[in-house]
Amino acid sequence: METTVDVKAAGAAIRRRLGEVMVLADEVVEPLLVALVAGGHMLIEGIPGTGKTLLAQAMARVVGLDFNRIQFTNDLMPSDIVGSSIWRPGRDEFEFLRGPLFTNVVLADEINRTSSRTLSCLLEAMECGRVSVEGETLELAHPFFVVATKNPIEFHGTFPIPEAALDRFLMRVAVGYPDMEGELELYLRRDPESTLRDLAPVLSRDDLLALMARVEQVEVRESLAQYCYEVVTATREHESVALGVSPRAAMSWLRAARARALLGGRDYVLPDDLKALARPVLAHRVFLKGGGDAADLLDGIVSSVSVAL
């Protein structure tokens, strides 16, 4: 599938459209765009009321994709997100009613409030692009993009997300309170929900699929692959790390760098692409012996490893 879309211009247009709805730092918007083009999923951490749901809705709208929201709770069942079969007496047969997973963009709201069974069902969908229902495998939409939100662990009724589940997310970012200037701008703007309804798409679904296909064509030089290897090896050998970056995570890092290069209008990866994405792609995949977030440690490793040009 080919497209004549100017990727760099399209990326800038998407940023502008998102900016019409809400005020967000580039540290949040860029990883979201990269994850979308790279075909990955995204985890957004933050307290309620900071625009996580609005961001997912706006992103779906500006790239012309269908959207569903799932509110994860303790009593949510796998059938609530996948769907279930009901008996149709008039036809003497069962009919499968598809659940909210059968769409392009799924907002999995507060995934750390749900049971392990339901979370496992979501993870299968994220990893395979399909679900199993009563012994039958059903394909999901393409593209299929999960934006999951997670409230801080100290909030009531939440549970830790297993390491294997975190690894399914290409990106993790944190959304906090805006600065004073940004928050005042929100107060004076038009209602975000009204702005969202009037938001026009920048890309079509076919354009997005064509861009996603082009990611694999972006060149990664051997020196950058070597740099990637040295960084991930350093995470495995660091004395403070219990579990370092896996080969699959390293490949995800390179794919994300390819997508960032493509959005920058290039067909080759630069060291800056890898460095800019190290924290959102790798930090949630590194686990420290004493617990806590590995982002600062990862920053130190990335800056200490040299790359040959």
C-alpha atoms as a PDB file:
ATOM      1  CA  MET A   1       0.000   0.000   0.000  1.00  0.00           C
ATOM      2  CA  GLU A   2       1.456   3.366  -1.033  1.00  0.00           C
ATOM      3  CA  THR A   3       0.614   6.913  -0.053  1.00  0.00           C
ATOM      4  CA  THR A   4       1.557  10.368  -1.261  1.00  0.00           C
ATOM      5  CA  VAL A   5       1.141  11.834   2.217  1.00  0.00           C
ATOM      6  CA  ASP A   6       3.951  14.117   3.387  1.00  0.00           C
ATOM      7  CA  VAL A   7       4.740  12.318   6.635  1.00  0.00           C
ATOM      8  CA  LYS A   8       6.490  15.218   8.330  1.00  0.00           C
ATOM      9  CA  ALA A   9       3.690  17.650   7.440  1.00  0.00           C
ATOM     10  CA  ALA A  10       1.048  15.145   8.556  1.00  0.00           C
ATOM     11  CA  GLY A  11       2.766  14.696  11.906  1.00  0.00           C
ATOM     12  CA  ALA A  12       2.874  18.461  12.426  1.00  0.00           C
ATOM     13  CA  ALA A  13      -0.808  18.744  11.469  1.00  0.00           C
ATOM     14  CA  ILE A  14      -1.775  16.053  13.975  1.00  0.00           C
ATOM     15  CA  ARG A  15       0.095  17.885  16.721  1.00  0.00           C
ATOM     16  CA  ARG A  16      -1.736  21.110  15.852  1.00  0.00           C
ATOM     17  CA  ARG A  17      -5.139  19.386  15.896  1.00  0.00           C
ATOM     18  CA  LEU A  18      -4.425  17.779  19.249  1.00  0.00           C
ATOM     19  CA  GLY A  19      -3.345  21.189  20.518  1.00  0.00           C
ATOM     20  CA  GLU A  20      -6.774  22.556  19.625  1.00  0.00           C
ATOM     21  CA  VAL A  21      -8.335  20.191  22.138  1.00  0.00           C
ATOM     22  CA  MET A  22      -5.871  20.184  25.019  1.00  0.00           C
ATOM     23  CA  VAL A  23      -2.547  21.483  26.274  1.00  0.00           C
ATOM     24  CA  LEU A  24       0.058  18.725  26.392  1.00  0.00           C
ATOM     25  CA  ALA A  25       3.833  18.575  26.574  1.00  0.00           C
ATOM     26  CA  ASP A  26       5.708  17.214  23.571  1.00  0.00           C
ATOM     27  CA  GLU A  27       7.073  14.490  25.876  1.00  0.00           C
ATOM     28  CA  VAL A  28       3.553  13.024  25.777  1.00  0.00           C
ATOM     29  CA  VAL A  29       2.436  13.817  22.223  1.00  0.00           C
ATOM     30  CA  GLU A  30       5.540  12.564  20.403  1.00  0.00           C
ATOM     31  CA  PRO A  31       5.555   9.080  22.020  1.00  0.00           C
ATOM     32  CA  LEU A  32       1.848   8.745  21.229  1.00  0.00           C
ATOM     33  CA  LEU A  33       2.442   9.566  17.554  1.00  0.00           C
ATOM     34  CA  VAL A  34       5.455   7.271  17.380  1.00  0.00           C
ATOM     35  CA  ALA A  35       3.556   4.375  18.984  1.00  0.00           C
ATOM     36  CA  LEU A  36       0.695   4.820  16.535  1.00  0.00           C
ATOM     37  CA  VAL A  37       2.932   4.793  13.438  1.00  0.00           C
ATOM     38  CA  ALA A  38       5.075   1.970  14.840  1.00  0.00           C
ATOM     39  CA  GLY A  39       1.990  -0.170  15.430  1.00  0.00           C
ATOM     40  CA  GLY A  40       2.542  -0.373  19.190  1.00  0.00           C
ATOM     41  CA  HIS A  41       0.427   0.205  22.275  1.00  0.00           C
ATOM     42  CA  MET A  42       0.748   2.931  24.891  1.00  0.00           C
ATOM     43  CA  LEU A  43       0.401   3.166  28.664  1.00  0.00           C
ATOM     44  CA  ILE A  44      -0.395   6.582  30.124  1.00  0.00           C
ATOM     45  CA  GLU A  45       0.064   7.053  33.856  1.00  0.00           C
ATOM     46  CA  GLY A  46      -1.503   9.893  35.762  1.00  0.00           C
ATOM     47  CA  ILE A  47      -4.142  10.974  38.210  1.00  0.00           C
ATOM     48  CA  PRO A  48      -7.775  11.428  37.101  1.00  0.00           C
ATOM     49  CA  GLY A  49      -8.708  14.667  35.375  1.00  0.00           C
ATOM     50  CA  THR A  50      -5.497  15.291  33.452  1.00  0.00           C
ATOM     51  CA  GLY A  51      -6.886  14.566  29.970  1.00  0.00           C
ATOM     52  CA  LYS A  52      -5.889  10.952  29.342  1.00  0.00           C
ATOM     53  CA  THR A  53      -9.294   9.943  27.955  1.00  0.00           C
ATOM     54  CA  LEU A  54      -9.606  13.101  25.886  1.00  0.00           C
ATOM     55  CA  LEU A  55      -6.167  12.535  24.391  1.00  0.00           C
ATOM     56  CA  ALA A  56      -7.059   9.022  23.202  1.00  0.00           C
ATOM     57  CA  GLN A  57     -10.342  10.203  21.692  1.00  0.00           C
ATOM     58  CA  ALA A  58      -8.678  13.117  19.922  1.00  0.00           C
ATOM     59  CA  MET A  59      -5.940  10.915  18.496  1.00  0.00           C
ATOM     60  CA  ALA A  60      -8.468   8.462  17.070  1.00  0.00           C
ATOM     61  CA  ARG A  61     -10.438  11.265  15.477  1.00  0.00           C
ATOM     62  CA  VAL A  62      -7.511  13.053  13.810  1.00  0.00           C
ATOM     63  CA  VAL A  63      -6.323   9.844  12.113  1.00  0.00           C
ATOM     64  CA  GLY A  64      -9.806   8.742  11.044  1.00  0.00           C
ATOM     65  CA  LEU A  65     -10.106   5.659  13.269  1.00  0.00           C
ATOM     66  CA  ASP A  66     -13.013   4.168  15.189  1.00  0.00           C
ATOM     67  CA  PHE A  67     -12.840   4.458  18.974  1.00  0.00           C
ATOM     68  CA  ASN A  68     -14.198   2.586  21.994  1.00  0.00           C
ATOM     69  CA  ARG A  69     -13.650   3.144  25.693  1.00  0.00           C
ATOM     70  CA  ILE A  70     -13.583   0.342  28.266  1.00  0.00           C
ATOM     71  CA  GLN A  71     -13.760   1.225  31.952  1.00  0.00           C
ATOM     72  CA  PHE A  72     -11.831  -1.486  33.769  1.00  0.00           C
ATOM     73  CA  THR A  73     -13.206  -2.464  37.174  1.00  0.00           C
ATOM     74  CA  ASN A  74     -12.728  -5.313  39.641  1.00  0.00           C
ATOM     75  CA  ASP A  75     -15.816  -7.157  38.374  1.00  0.00           C
ATOM     76  CA  LEU A  76     -15.179  -6.717  34.630  1.00  0.00           C
ATOM     77  CA  MET A  77     -15.240 -10.088  32.853  1.00  0.00           C
ATOM     78  CA  PRO A  78     -13.409 -11.135  29.651  1.00  0.00           C
ATOM     79  CA  SER A  79     -16.782 -11.445  27.899  1.00  0.00           C
ATOM     80  CA  ASP A  80     -17.455  -7.787  28.716  1.00  0.00           C
ATOM     81  CA  ILE A  81     -14.600  -6.696  26.459  1.00  0.00           C
ATOM     82  CA  VAL A  82     -14.543  -9.482  23.853  1.00  0.00           C
ATOM     83  CA  GLY A  83     -18.260 -10.118  23.501  1.00  0.00           C
ATOM     84  CA  SER A  84     -20.538 -13.096  24.028  1.00  0.00           C
ATOM     85  CA  SER A  85     -23.007 -15.357  22.238  1.00  0.00           C
ATOM     86  CA  ILE A  86     -26.744 -14.987  22.810  1.00  0.00           C
ATOM     87  CA  TRP A  87     -29.548 -17.324  21.782  1.00  0.00           C
ATOM     88  CA  ARG A  88     -31.867 -16.086  19.031  1.00  0.00           C
ATOM     89  CA  PRO A  89     -35.120 -18.077  19.453  1.00  0.00           C
ATOM     90  CA  GLY A  90     -36.533 -16.979  16.128  1.00  0.00           C
ATOM     91  CA  ARG A  91     -33.536 -18.366  14.253  1.00  0.00           C
ATOM     92  CA  ASP A  92     -32.807 -21.294  16.602  1.00  0.00           C
ATOM     93  CA  GLU A  93     -29.136 -20.363  16.781  1.00  0.00           C
ATOM     94  CA  PHE A  94     -26.569 -18.456  18.795  1.00  0.00           C
ATOM     95  CA  GLU A  95     -25.367 -15.057  17.600  1.00  0.00           C
ATOM     96  CA  PHE A  96     -22.046 -13.628  18.676  1.00  0.00           C
ATOM     97  CA  LEU A  97     -22.240  -9.975  19.727  1.00  0.00           C
ATOM     98  CA  ARG A  98     -18.843  -8.363  19.409  1.00  0.00           C
ATOM     99  CA  GLY A  99     -17.498  -6.452  22.389  1.00  0.00           C
ATOM    100  CA  PRO A 100     -15.702  -3.086  22.510  1.00  0.00           C
ATOM    101  CA  LEU A 101     -12.329  -4.610  21.583  1.00  0.00           C
ATOM    102  CA  PHE A 102     -13.524  -4.822  17.970  1.00  0.00           C
ATOM    103  CA  THR A 103     -12.471  -1.343  16.935  1.00  0.00           C
ATOM    104  CA  ASN A 104      -9.313   0.523  15.903  1.00  0.00           C
ATOM    105  CA  VAL A 105      -8.489   2.506  19.029  1.00  0.00           C
ATOM    106  CA  VAL A 106      -9.359   1.123  22.461  1.00  0.00           C
ATOM    107  CA  LEU A 107      -9.043   3.256  25.554  1.00  0.00           C
ATOM    108  CA  ALA A 108      -8.436   0.733  28.337  1.00  0.00           C
ATOM    109  CA  ASP A 109      -9.187   3.022  31.247  1.00  0.00           C
ATOM    110  CA  GLU A 110      -7.586   2.186  34.608  1.00  0.00           C
ATOM    111  CA  ILE A 111      -6.288  -1.260  33.672  1.00  0.00           C
ATOM    112  CA  ASN A 112      -4.754  -1.645  37.130  1.00  0.00           C
ATOM    113  CA  ARG A 113      -8.255  -2.006  38.599  1.00  0.00           C
ATOM    114  CA  THR A 114      -9.217  -5.225  36.823  1.00  0.00           C
ATOM    115  CA  SER A 115      -8.794  -8.956  37.424  1.00  0.00           C
ATOM    116  CA  SER A 116      -5.912 -10.990  36.033  1.00  0.00           C
ATOM    117  CA  ARG A 117      -8.306 -12.953  33.772  1.00  0.00           C
ATOM    118  CA  THR A 118      -9.619  -9.842  32.063  1.00  0.00           C
ATOM    119  CA  LEU A 119      -6.165  -8.320  31.823  1.00  0.00           C
ATOM    120  CA  SER A 120      -4.888 -11.522  30.190  1.00  0.00           C
ATOM    121  CA  CYS A 121      -7.650 -11.277  27.609  1.00  0.00           C
ATOM    122  CA  LEU A 122      -6.591  -7.727  26.774  1.00  0.00           C
ATOM    123  CA  LEU A 123      -2.937  -8.786  26.542  1.00  0.00           C
ATOM    124  CA  GLU A 124      -3.779 -11.533  24.039  1.00  0.00           C
ATOM    125  CA  ALA A 125      -5.520  -8.968  21.875  1.00  0.00           C
ATOM    126  CA  MET A 126      -2.573  -6.575  22.118  1.00  0.00           C
ATOM    127  CA  GLU A 127       0.047  -9.190  21.290  1.00  0.00           C
ATOM    128  CA  CYS A 128      -1.732 -11.178  18.585  1.00  0.00           C
ATOM    129  CA  GLY A 129      -4.331  -8.810  17.111  1.00  0.00           C
ATOM    130  CA  ARG A 130      -6.969 -11.466  17.698  1.00  0.00           C
ATOM    131  CA  VAL A 131      -9.010 -13.047  20.482  1.00  0.00           C
ATOM    132  CA  SER A 132     -10.220 -16.537  21.294  1.00  0.00           C
ATOM    133  CA  VAL A 133     -13.941 -17.035  21.834  1.00  0.00           C
ATOM    134  CA  GLU A 134     -15.438 -20.466  22.562  1.00  0.00           C
ATOM    135  CA  GLY A 135     -12.602 -22.215  20.749  1.00  0.00           C
ATOM    136  CA  GLU A 136     -12.751 -19.919  17.734  1.00  0.00           C
ATOM    137  CA  THR A 137     -10.135 -17.292  16.827  1.00  0.00           C
ATOM    138  CA  LEU A 138     -11.456 -13.923  15.717  1.00  0.00           C
ATOM    139  CA  GLU A 139      -9.325 -11.249  14.076  1.00  0.00           C
ATOM    140  CA  LEU A 140      -9.489  -7.717  15.415  1.00  0.00           C
ATOM    141  CA  ALA A 141      -9.503  -4.519  13.371  1.00  0.00           C
ATOM    142  CA  HIS A 142      -6.389  -3.301  11.617  1.00  0.00           C
ATOM    143  CA  PRO A 143      -4.866  -1.114  12.798  1.00  0.00           C
ATOM    144  CA  PHE A 144      -5.527  -2.038  16.421  1.00  0.00           C
ATOM    145  CA  PHE A 145      -4.162   0.395  18.984  1.00  0.00           C
ATOM    146  CA  VAL A 146      -4.596   0.214  22.765  1.00  0.00           C
ATOM    147  CA  VAL A 147      -4.153   3.329  24.875  1.00  0.00           C
ATOM    148  CA  ALA A 148      -4.268   2.150  28.471  1.00  0.00           C
ATOM    149  CA  THR A 149      -4.413   4.423  31.491  1.00  0.00           C
ATOM    150  CA  LYS A 150      -3.127   3.667  34.956  1.00  0.00           C
ATOM    151  CA  ASN A 151      -3.730   5.567  38.160  1.00  0.00           C
ATOM    152  CA  PRO A 152      -0.931   5.779  40.729  1.00  0.00           C
ATOM    153  CA  ILE A 153      -0.619   2.571  42.699  1.00  0.00           C
ATOM    154  CA  GLU A 154      -1.347   4.259  46.028  1.00  0.00           C
ATOM    155  CA  PHE A 155      -4.925   5.012  44.936  1.00  0.00           C
ATOM    156  CA  HIS A 156      -7.635   2.817  46.485  1.00  0.00           C
ATOM    157  CA  GLY A 157      -8.662  -0.342  44.619  1.00  0.00           C
ATOM    158  CA  THR A 158      -5.668  -0.649  42.294  1.00  0.00           C
ATOM    159  CA  PHE A 159      -3.276  -3.552  41.705  1.00  0.00           C
ATOM    160  CA  PRO A 160       0.295  -3.844  40.399  1.00  0.00           C
ATOM    161  CA  ILE A 161       0.599  -4.591  36.686  1.00  0.00           C
ATOM    162  CA  PRO A 162       2.745  -7.714  36.078  1.00  0.00           C
ATOM    163  CA  GLU A 163       6.086  -7.341  34.319  1.00  0.00           C
ATOM    164  CA  ALA A 164       4.887  -9.407  31.348  1.00  0.00           C
ATOM    165  CA  ALA A 165       1.900  -7.102  30.941  1.00  0.00           C
ATOM    166  CA  LEU A 166       4.047  -3.962  31.015  1.00  0.00           C
ATOM    167  CA  ASP A 167       6.229  -5.445  28.282  1.00  0.00           C
ATOM    168  CA  ARG A 168       3.243  -5.443  25.899  1.00  0.00           C
ATOM    169  CA  PHE A 169       3.272  -1.647  25.845  1.00  0.00           C
ATOM    170  CA  LEU A 170       5.654  -0.069  23.373  1.00  0.00           C
ATOM    171  CA  MET A 171       5.555   3.238  25.255  1.00  0.00           C
ATOM    172  CA  ARG A 172       4.873   4.484  28.751  1.00  0.00           C
ATOM    173  CA  VAL A 173       4.466   8.165  29.567  1.00  0.00           C
ATOM    174  CA  ALA A 174       3.301  10.107  32.587  1.00  0.00           C
ATOM    175  CA  VAL A 175       0.743  12.915  32.410  1.00  0.00           C
ATOM    176  CA  GLY A 176       0.763  15.399  35.260  1.00  0.00           C
ATOM    177  CA  TYR A 177      -0.727  18.779  35.971  1.00  0.00           C
ATOM    178  CA  PRO A 178      -0.036  21.458  33.341  1.00  0.00           C
ATOM    179  CA  ASP A 179       2.049  24.471  34.264  1.00  0.00           C
ATOM    180  CA  MET A 180       0.305  27.689  35.265  1.00  0.00           C
ATOM    181  CA  GLU A 181       0.288  29.123  31.748  1.00  0.00           C
ATOM    182  CA  GLY A 182      -1.109  25.932  30.262  1.00  0.00           C
ATOM    183  CA  GLU A 183      -3.798  25.517  32.891  1.00  0.00           C
ATOM    184  CA  LEU A 184      -4.957  29.126  32.543  1.00  0.00           C
ATOM    185  CA  GLU A 185      -5.172  28.582  28.793  1.00  0.00           C
ATOM    186  CA  LEU A 186      -7.447  25.597  29.415  1.00  0.00           C
ATOM    187  CA  TYR A 187      -9.743  27.721  31.581  1.00  0.00           C
ATOM    188  CA  LEU A 188     -10.148  30.302  28.821  1.00  0.00           C
ATOM    189  CA  ARG A 189     -10.635  27.902  25.925  1.00  0.00           C
ATOM    190  CA  ARG A 190     -13.784  26.569  24.383  1.00  0.00           C
ATOM    191  CA  ASP A 191     -15.146  23.421  26.031  1.00  0.00           C
ATOM    192  CA  PRO A 192     -12.809  20.546  24.996  1.00  0.00           C
ATOM    193  CA  GLU A 193     -15.699  18.162  24.309  1.00  0.00           C
ATOM    194  CA  SER A 194     -17.208  20.617  21.837  1.00  0.00           C
ATOM    195  CA  THR A 195     -13.849  21.110  20.152  1.00  0.00           C
ATOM    196  CA  LEU A 196     -13.411  17.341  19.920  1.00  0.00           C
ATOM    197  CA  ARG A 197     -16.733  16.919  18.097  1.00  0.00           C
ATOM    198  CA  ASP A 198     -15.628  19.426  15.444  1.00  0.00           C
ATOM    199  CA  LEU A 199     -12.146  17.939  15.013  1.00  0.00           C
ATOM    200  CA  ALA A 200     -11.503  16.969  11.376  1.00  0.00           C
ATOM    201  CA  PRO A 201      -9.226  14.038  10.433  1.00  0.00           C
ATOM    202  CA  VAL A 202      -5.739  14.752   9.116  1.00  0.00           C
ATOM    203  CA  LEU A 203      -5.206  11.243   7.741  1.00  0.00           C
ATOM    204  CA  SER A 204      -7.422   8.447   6.511  1.00  0.00           C
ATOM    205  CA  ARG A 205      -7.208   4.897   7.795  1.00  0.00           C
ATOM    206  CA  ASP A 206      -5.553   3.802   4.534  1.00  0.00           C
ATOM    207  CA  ASP A 207      -2.989   6.600   4.789  1.00  0.00           C
ATOM    208  CA  LEU A 208      -2.096   5.493   8.301  1.00  0.00           C
ATOM    209  CA  LEU A 209      -1.708   1.851   7.234  1.00  0.00           C
ATOM    210  CA  ALA A 210       0.582   2.944   4.412  1.00  0.00           C
ATOM    211  CA  LEU A 211       2.730   4.954   6.839  1.00  0.00           C
ATOM    212  CA  MET A 212       2.937   2.006   9.210  1.00  0.00           C
ATOM    213  CA  ALA A 213       4.153  -0.181   6.350  1.00  0.00           C
ATOM    214  CA  ARG A 214       6.921   2.320   5.579  1.00  0.00           C
ATOM    215  CA  VAL A 215       8.456   2.031   9.046  1.00  0.00           C
ATOM    216  CA  GLU A 216      10.251  -1.201   8.113  1.00  0.00           C
ATOM    217  CA  GLN A 217      11.949   0.579   5.211  1.00  0.00           C
ATOM    218  CA  VAL A 218      13.742   3.074   7.478  1.00  0.00           C
ATOM    219  CA  GLU A 219      17.448   2.226   7.690  1.00  0.00           C
ATOM    220  CA  VAL A 220      19.241   1.412  10.938  1.00  0.00           C
ATOM    221  CA  ARG A 221      23.020   1.514  10.559  1.00  0.00           C
ATOM    222  CA  GLU A 222      25.109  -1.207  12.186  1.00  0.00           C
ATOM    223  CA  SER A 223      26.735   1.340  14.506  1.00  0.00           C
ATOM    224  CA  LEU A 224      23.310   2.270  15.896  1.00  0.00           C
ATOM    225  CA  ALA A 225      22.391  -1.381  16.357  1.00  0.00           C
ATOM    226  CA  GLN A 226      25.669  -1.783  18.269  1.00  0.00           C
ATOM    227  CA  TYR A 227      24.793   1.257  20.408  1.00  0.00           C
ATOM    228  CA  CYS A 228      21.389  -0.266  21.148  1.00  0.00           C
ATOM    229  CA  TYR A 229      23.052  -3.536  22.175  1.00  0.00           C
ATOM    230  CA  GLU A 230      25.512  -1.806  24.501  1.00  0.00           C
ATOM    231  CA  VAL A 231      22.746   0.140  26.239  1.00  0.00           C
ATOM    232  CA  VAL A 232      20.524  -2.882  26.847  1.00  0.00           C
ATOM    233  CA  THR A 233      23.522  -4.947  27.974  1.00  0.00           C
ATOM    234  CA  ALA A 234      24.395  -2.234  30.477  1.00  0.00           C
ATOM    235  CA  THR A 235      20.908  -2.454  31.962  1.00  0.00           C
ATOM    236  CA  ARG A 236      21.334  -6.219  32.441  1.00  0.00           C
ATOM    237  CA  GLU A 237      24.734  -5.868  34.102  1.00  0.00           C
ATOM    238  CA  HIS A 238      24.024  -2.870  36.362  1.00  0.00           C
ATOM    239  CA  GLU A 239      24.317  -3.724  40.046  1.00  0.00           C
ATOM    240  CA  SER A 240      21.037  -1.997  40.893  1.00  0.00           C
ATOM    241  CA  VAL A 241      18.971  -3.814  38.259  1.00  0.00           C
ATOM    242  CA  ALA A 242      17.053  -7.021  38.943  1.00  0.00           C
ATOM    243  CA  LEU A 243      15.705  -7.398  35.411  1.00  0.00           C
ATOM    244  CA  GLY A 244      17.164  -5.569  32.437  1.00  0.00           C
ATOM    245  CA  VAL A 245      16.023  -4.921  28.871  1.00  0.00           C
ATOM    246  CA  SER A 246      15.111  -8.032  26.856  1.00  0.00           C
ATOM    247  CA  PRO A 247      15.964  -8.609  23.171  1.00  0.00           C
ATOM    248  CA  ARG A 248      12.276  -8.082  22.320  1.00  0.00           C
ATOM    249  CA  ALA A 249      12.310  -4.737  24.113  1.00  0.00           C
ATOM    250  CA  ALA A 250      15.476  -3.740  22.248  1.00  0.00           C
ATOM    251  CA  MET A 251      13.795  -4.539  18.933  1.00  0.00           C
ATOM    252  CA  SER A 252      10.800  -2.449  20.024  1.00  0.00           C
ATOM    253  CA  TRP A 253      13.192   0.430  20.758  1.00  0.00           C
ATOM    254  CA  LEU A 254      14.633   0.215  17.247  1.00  0.00           C
ATOM    255  CA  ARG A 255      11.175   0.039  15.660  1.00  0.00           C
ATOM    256  CA  ALA A 256      10.070   3.102  17.608  1.00  0.00           C
ATOM    257  CA  ALA A 257      13.228   4.919  16.459  1.00  0.00           C
ATOM    258  CA  ARG A 258      12.375   4.038  12.863  1.00  0.00           C
ATOM    259  CA  ALA A 259       8.891   5.484  13.318  1.00  0.00           C
ATOM    260  CA  ARG A 260      10.297   8.683  14.846  1.00  0.00           C
ATOM    261  CA  ALA A 261      12.700   9.053  11.924  1.00  0.00           C
ATOM    262  CA  LEU A 262       9.839   8.588   9.467  1.00  0.00           C
ATOM    263  CA  LEU A 263       7.781  11.260  11.238  1.00  0.00           C
ATOM    264  CA  GLY A 264      10.827  13.507  10.991  1.00  0.00           C
ATOM    265  CA  GLY A 265      10.872  13.094   7.216  1.00  0.00           C
ATOM    266  CA  ARG A 266      13.908  10.778   7.149  1.00  0.00           C
ATOM    267  CA  ASP A 267      14.486   7.261   5.848  1.00  0.00           C
ATOM    268  CA  TYR A 268      17.325   6.588   8.305  1.00  0.00           C
ATOM    269  CA  VAL A 269      17.614   6.529  12.105  1.00  0.00           C
ATOM    270  CA  LEU A 270      19.795   9.001  14.002  1.00  0.00           C
ATOM    271  CA  PRO A 271      21.280   8.514  17.487  1.00  0.00           C
ATOM    272  CA  ASP A 272      18.907  11.226  18.702  1.00  0.00           C
ATOM    273  CA  ASP A 273      15.926   9.046  17.724  1.00  0.00           C
ATOM    274  CA  LEU A 274      17.092   6.285  20.044  1.00  0.00           C
ATOM    275  CA  LYS A 275      18.057   8.647  22.851  1.00  0.00           C
ATOM    276  CA  ALA A 276      14.766  10.549  22.734  1.00  0.00           C
ATOM    277  CA  LEU A 277      12.763   7.332  23.031  1.00  0.00           C
ATOM    278  CA  ALA A 278      14.889   5.434  25.546  1.00  0.00           C
ATOM    279  CA  ARG A 279      12.874   6.544  28.560  1.00  0.00           C
ATOM    280  CA  PRO A 280       9.332   5.996  27.212  1.00  0.00           C
ATOM    281  CA  VAL A 281      10.229   2.673  25.537  1.00  0.00           C
ATOM    282  CA  LEU A 282      12.632   1.079  28.035  1.00  0.00           C
ATOM    283  CA  ALA A 283      12.110   2.502  31.529  1.00  0.00           C
ATOM    284  CA  HIS A 284       9.013   0.416  32.292  1.00  0.00           C
ATOM    285  CA  ARG A 285      10.878  -2.714  31.203  1.00  0.00           C
ATOM    286  CA  VAL A 286      13.751  -2.259  33.680  1.00  0.00           C
ATOM    287  CA  PHE A 287      13.120  -3.422  37.247  1.00  0.00           C
ATOM    288  CA  LEU A 288      15.326  -2.303  40.132  1.00  0.00           C
ATOM    289  CA  LYS A 289      16.296  -4.570  43.017  1.00  0.00           C
ATOM    290  CA  GLY A 290      14.889  -2.142  45.568  1.00  0.00           C
ATOM    291  CA  GLY A 291      11.818  -1.248  43.527  1.00  0.00           C
ATOM    292  CA  GLY A 292      10.991   2.191  42.171  1.00  0.00           C
ATOM    293  CA  ASP A 293      11.170   3.769  38.745  1.00  0.00           C
ATOM    294  CA  ALA A 294      14.208   3.067  36.578  1.00  0.00           C
ATOM    295  CA  ALA A 295      13.889   6.184  34.385  1.00  0.00           C
ATOM    296  CA  ASP A 296      16.734   8.148  35.988  1.00  0.00           C
ATOM    297  CA  LEU A 297      19.069   5.159  36.007  1.00  0.00           C
ATOM    298  CA  LEU A 298      18.276   4.538  32.348  1.00  0.00           C
ATOM    299  CA  ASP A 299      19.006   8.176  31.492  1.00  0.00           C
ATOM    300  CA  GLY A 300      22.435   7.767  33.044  1.00  0.00           C
ATOM    301  CA  ILE A 301      23.166   4.596  31.079  1.00  0.00           C
ATOM    302  CA  VAL A 302      22.059   6.125  27.787  1.00  0.00           C
ATOM    303  CA  SER A 303      24.242   9.220  28.276  1.00  0.00           C
ATOM    304  CA  SER A 304      27.277   7.157  29.329  1.00  0.00           C
ATOM    305  CA  VAL A 305      27.310   4.885  26.264  1.00  0.00           C
ATOM    306  CA  SER A 306      28.982   6.410  23.213  1.00  0.00           C
ATOM    307  CA  VAL A 307      27.792   5.854  19.667  1.00  0.00           C
ATOM    308  CA  ALA A 308      30.051   5.646  16.630  1.00  0.00           C
ATOM    309  CA  LEU A 309      28.898   7.737  13.669  1.00  0.00           C
END
